[in-house]
Amino acid sequence: MNGHLEPSRPHVFTLHLWRENLSAAQYEWRGRIRRLDEGEAIYFRDWPTLVHFLQDHLNAAGSNHLISRIPDWRSEMAIESTRAVMIRYFNSEHADASVLADDVVFTVMRTGQEHRGPEAVLGMLHYLYHVALDATTVFRSVVYAEQQAVGEWDFVGKHIGEFAGIPATGKDVRVPLCVVYDPENDKIKHGRVYFETPMLLRQLGVPPAAATQ
């Protein structure tokens, strides 16, 4: 060959991806890849199966370096899955138990108080939004990632019931709120709540020194 490398043989594949609906609220990504020159094809439901198929064929042809150029569809699908779960939850206004894992845990980060299980989590949210206060949230931002979402809102409402031992005052409140969610298998597994309780207590008339205790 006079020291010259021969042009590498092209490897041509067709790839099809689609979203398969499993139920009214659940879905998964599936796909099929086929090597055109040999006709061999496989169906897959996860990223490793696709990667192994390509590695087997490219390694055999001495082209394993090409695998590093494949786009990370797994990451994109994981982010889309996170977004779908969280939109269901947000649209339900904290009332859809089906989007919560059976062993879900919401933690109030300032106090460390934990609410375990869908009933406890929904009960805590109902009390905060509809019993102690008549409240809603004003959206600021949400960032989606693989198996995580971080949301920022303003918690806005009127004090209509007992909260932290304080009888209803009828006062209006507006407090920053941030929650970090960890979805897993299309369910919310963990929630970490960052809520400015001292600011809320000050707005209810509690002296600043007492509100920070």
Protein backbone atom coordinates (compact mmCIF):
# COMPACT_ATOMS: atom_id res chain seq x y z
CA MET A 1 0.00 0.00 0.00
CA ASN A 2 3.13 2.22 -0.12
CA GLY A 3 2.49 3.44 3.43
CA HIS A 4 -0.78 5.12 2.51
CA LEU A 5 -4.02 4.43 4.35
CA GLU A 6 -6.97 3.32 2.30
CA PRO A 7 -10.12 5.43 2.60
CA SER A 8 -12.32 4.02 5.34
CA ARG A 9 -15.46 2.23 4.27
CA PRO A 10 -18.61 4.19 5.13
CA HIS A 11 -21.02 2.72 7.68
CA VAL A 12 -24.60 3.74 7.04
CA PHE A 13 -27.39 3.24 9.57
CA THR A 14 -31.00 4.36 9.77
CA LEU A 15 -32.31 5.39 13.17
CA HIS A 16 -35.96 5.89 14.15
CA LEU A 17 -37.04 7.31 17.52
CA TRP A 18 -40.57 7.65 18.82
CA ARG A 19 -42.46 8.26 22.06
CA GLU A 20 -44.58 5.30 23.17
CA ASN A 21 -47.56 6.19 25.39
CA LEU A 22 -47.92 3.67 28.22
CA SER A 23 -50.94 5.30 29.86
CA ALA A 24 -52.66 8.65 30.01
CA ALA A 25 -49.84 10.03 32.13
CA GLN A 26 -46.79 7.88 31.30
CA TYR A 27 -44.63 7.30 28.25
CA GLU A 28 -41.17 6.09 27.25
CA TRP A 29 -38.84 6.64 24.31
CA ARG A 30 -38.22 3.70 21.96
CA GLY A 31 -36.26 3.27 18.78
CA ARG A 32 -35.01 1.06 15.94
CA ILE A 33 -31.59 1.12 14.28
CA ARG A 34 -30.72 -0.73 11.09
CA ARG A 35 -27.45 -1.20 9.25
CA LEU A 36 -28.23 -0.65 5.58
CA ASP A 37 -25.52 -2.76 3.98
CA GLU A 38 -26.32 -5.87 6.06
CA GLY A 39 -29.99 -5.33 6.81
CA GLU A 40 -29.53 -6.17 10.49
CA ALA A 41 -31.82 -4.19 12.79
CA ILE A 42 -32.63 -4.04 16.49
CA TYR A 43 -35.31 -2.34 18.56
CA PHE A 44 -34.24 -0.63 21.78
CA ARG A 45 -35.78 1.07 24.79
CA ASP A 46 -32.62 2.47 26.38
CA TRP A 47 -29.41 4.22 25.37
CA PRO A 48 -26.93 1.43 26.34
CA THR A 49 -28.57 -1.02 23.90
CA LEU A 50 -28.12 1.44 21.03
CA VAL A 51 -24.52 2.17 22.00
CA HIS A 52 -23.63 -1.53 22.25
CA PHE A 53 -25.09 -2.19 18.79
CA LEU A 54 -22.98 0.59 17.28
CA GLN A 55 -19.87 -0.41 19.20
CA ASP A 56 -20.12 -4.02 18.00
CA HIS A 57 -20.32 -2.96 14.36
CA LEU A 58 -17.80 -0.12 14.47
CA ASN A 59 -15.26 -2.03 16.52
CA ALA A 60 -15.40 -4.91 14.06
CA ALA A 61 -14.69 -2.44 11.26
CA GLY A 62 -11.89 -0.68 13.16
CA SER A 63 -13.91 2.52 13.48
CA ASN A 64 -14.57 2.57 17.20
CA HIS A 65 -13.35 6.18 17.41
CA LEU A 66 -16.57 7.24 15.67
CA ILE A 67 -18.65 6.35 18.71
CA SER A 68 -17.53 9.55 20.45
CA ARG A 69 -19.30 11.61 17.78
CA ILE A 70 -22.79 10.22 18.50
CA PRO A 71 -25.14 12.86 20.03
CA ASP A 72 -26.24 12.15 23.58
CA TRP A 73 -29.91 11.42 22.91
CA ARG A 74 -30.16 9.76 26.31
CA SER A 75 -29.58 13.11 28.01
CA GLU A 76 -32.15 14.88 25.84
CA MET A 77 -34.79 12.21 26.48
CA ALA A 78 -34.09 12.25 30.23
CA ILE A 79 -34.56 16.02 30.34
CA GLU A 80 -37.79 15.74 28.34
CA SER A 81 -39.02 13.09 30.79
CA THR A 82 -38.24 15.40 33.73
CA ARG A 83 -40.09 18.26 32.05
CA ALA A 84 -43.18 16.12 31.37
CA VAL A 85 -43.38 14.92 34.99
CA MET A 86 -43.01 18.39 36.42
CA ILE A 87 -45.54 19.99 34.06
CA ARG A 88 -48.11 17.40 35.18
CA TYR A 89 -47.36 18.28 38.79
CA PHE A 90 -47.43 22.06 38.27
CA ASN A 91 -50.65 21.92 36.24
CA SER A 92 -52.38 19.98 39.03
CA GLU A 93 -51.61 22.81 41.49
CA HIS A 94 -50.02 20.35 43.94
CA ALA A 95 -53.03 18.02 43.95
CA ASP A 96 -52.04 15.07 41.72
CA ALA A 97 -50.93 12.17 43.94
CA SER A 98 -50.25 9.98 40.88
CA VAL A 99 -47.15 12.01 40.04
CA LEU A 100 -45.62 11.36 43.49
CA ALA A 101 -43.60 8.21 44.23
CA ASP A 102 -44.98 5.95 46.97
CA ASP A 103 -41.92 6.77 49.09
CA VAL A 104 -41.73 10.46 48.19
CA VAL A 105 -40.11 12.74 50.77
CA PHE A 106 -40.48 16.54 50.89
CA THR A 107 -38.05 18.26 53.25
CA VAL A 108 -38.35 21.82 54.56
CA MET A 109 -34.68 22.68 54.44
CA ARG A 110 -34.68 25.43 57.07
CA THR A 111 -36.06 23.15 59.80
CA GLY A 112 -35.27 19.69 58.46
CA GLN A 113 -38.93 18.70 58.84
CA GLU A 114 -39.82 15.80 56.53
CA HIS A 115 -43.16 14.85 55.00
CA ARG A 116 -43.11 11.22 53.85
CA GLY A 117 -45.51 9.62 51.39
CA PRO A 118 -48.01 11.19 48.95
CA GLU A 119 -50.69 11.73 51.59
CA ALA A 120 -48.35 13.60 53.93
CA VAL A 121 -46.88 15.72 51.13
CA LEU A 122 -50.28 16.70 49.71
CA GLY A 123 -51.58 17.33 53.22
CA MET A 124 -48.71 19.71 53.97
CA LEU A 125 -49.27 21.58 50.71
CA HIS A 126 -53.04 21.77 51.21
CA TYR A 127 -52.57 23.20 54.70
CA LEU A 128 -50.10 25.81 53.50
CA TYR A 129 -52.06 26.92 50.41
CA HIS A 130 -55.67 26.54 51.57
CA VAL A 131 -55.91 26.34 55.38
CA ALA A 132 -53.28 28.55 57.00
CA LEU A 133 -53.21 30.82 53.97
CA ASP A 134 -55.26 31.38 50.86
CA ALA A 135 -52.24 31.39 48.58
CA THR A 136 -50.88 30.79 45.12
CA THR A 137 -47.49 31.10 43.42
CA VAL A 138 -46.22 33.63 40.92
CA PHE A 139 -43.85 31.95 38.50
CA ARG A 140 -40.27 33.18 38.13
CA SER A 141 -38.27 30.37 36.56
CA VAL A 142 -37.82 26.59 36.24
CA VAL A 143 -34.68 24.79 35.11
CA TYR A 144 -34.91 21.16 33.93
CA ALA A 145 -32.06 18.65 33.94
CA GLU A 146 -31.63 14.87 34.01
CA GLN A 147 -33.71 13.65 36.97
CA GLN A 148 -33.88 17.10 38.53
CA ALA A 149 -35.85 20.32 38.28
CA VAL A 150 -35.35 23.57 40.18
CA GLY A 151 -38.19 26.07 40.41
CA GLU A 152 -38.42 29.62 41.76
CA TRP A 153 -41.66 31.41 42.62
CA ASP A 154 -43.14 34.13 44.78
CA PHE A 155 -45.52 32.68 47.36
CA VAL A 156 -48.43 35.15 47.48
CA GLY A 157 -51.57 35.01 49.62
CA LYS A 158 -53.65 36.06 52.63
CA HIS A 159 -53.28 34.73 56.17
CA ILE A 160 -56.65 33.07 56.89
CA GLY A 161 -55.85 30.42 59.50
CA GLU A 162 -53.42 29.52 62.25
CA PHE A 163 -49.79 29.36 61.14
CA ALA A 164 -46.85 28.73 63.49
CA GLY A 165 -49.16 29.39 66.43
CA ILE A 166 -50.32 32.72 65.02
CA PRO A 167 -54.12 33.11 64.61
CA ALA A 168 -55.44 34.43 61.29
CA THR A 169 -54.53 38.07 60.79
CA GLY A 170 -56.01 38.68 57.33
CA LYS A 171 -52.66 40.16 56.27
CA ASP A 172 -51.31 39.79 52.76
CA VAL A 173 -47.95 38.09 52.35
CA ARG A 174 -45.39 37.69 49.58
CA VAL A 175 -42.42 35.39 50.19
CA PRO A 176 -39.67 33.93 47.95
CA LEU A 177 -39.95 30.18 47.39
CA CYS A 178 -37.53 27.73 45.77
CA VAL A 179 -38.00 23.96 45.43
CA VAL A 180 -35.57 21.34 44.10
CA TYR A 181 -37.32 18.23 42.74
CA ASP A 182 -35.77 14.83 42.01
CA PRO A 183 -37.97 12.80 39.63
CA GLU A 184 -37.30 9.09 39.20
CA ASN A 185 -39.16 6.67 36.91
CA ASP A 186 -41.68 9.37 35.96
CA LYS A 187 -42.49 10.12 39.62
CA ILE A 188 -41.29 12.81 42.01
CA LYS A 189 -39.05 11.07 44.54
CA HIS A 190 -37.74 13.99 46.58
CA GLY A 191 -38.54 17.65 47.08
CA ARG A 192 -36.33 20.10 48.97
CA VAL A 193 -38.24 23.22 49.94
CA TYR A 194 -36.44 26.52 50.56
CA PHE A 195 -39.06 28.82 52.06
CA GLU A 196 -38.41 32.19 53.73
CA THR A 197 -40.41 31.50 56.88
CA PRO A 198 -38.79 34.37 58.87
CA MET A 199 -39.90 36.83 56.19
CA LEU A 200 -43.43 35.41 56.31
CA LEU A 201 -43.56 35.72 60.12
CA ARG A 202 -42.37 39.33 59.96
CA GLN A 203 -45.13 40.10 57.47
CA LEU A 204 -47.61 38.60 59.96
CA GLY A 205 -46.40 41.00 62.64
CA VAL A 206 -43.89 38.87 64.52
CA PRO A 207 -40.96 40.98 65.79
CA PRO A 208 -37.78 40.45 63.70
CA ALA A 209 -35.82 38.91 66.58
CA ALA A 210 -38.57 36.36 67.28
CA ALA A 211 -39.16 35.61 63.59
CA THR A 212 -35.57 34.40 63.10
CA GLN A 213 -35.54 32.01 66.07
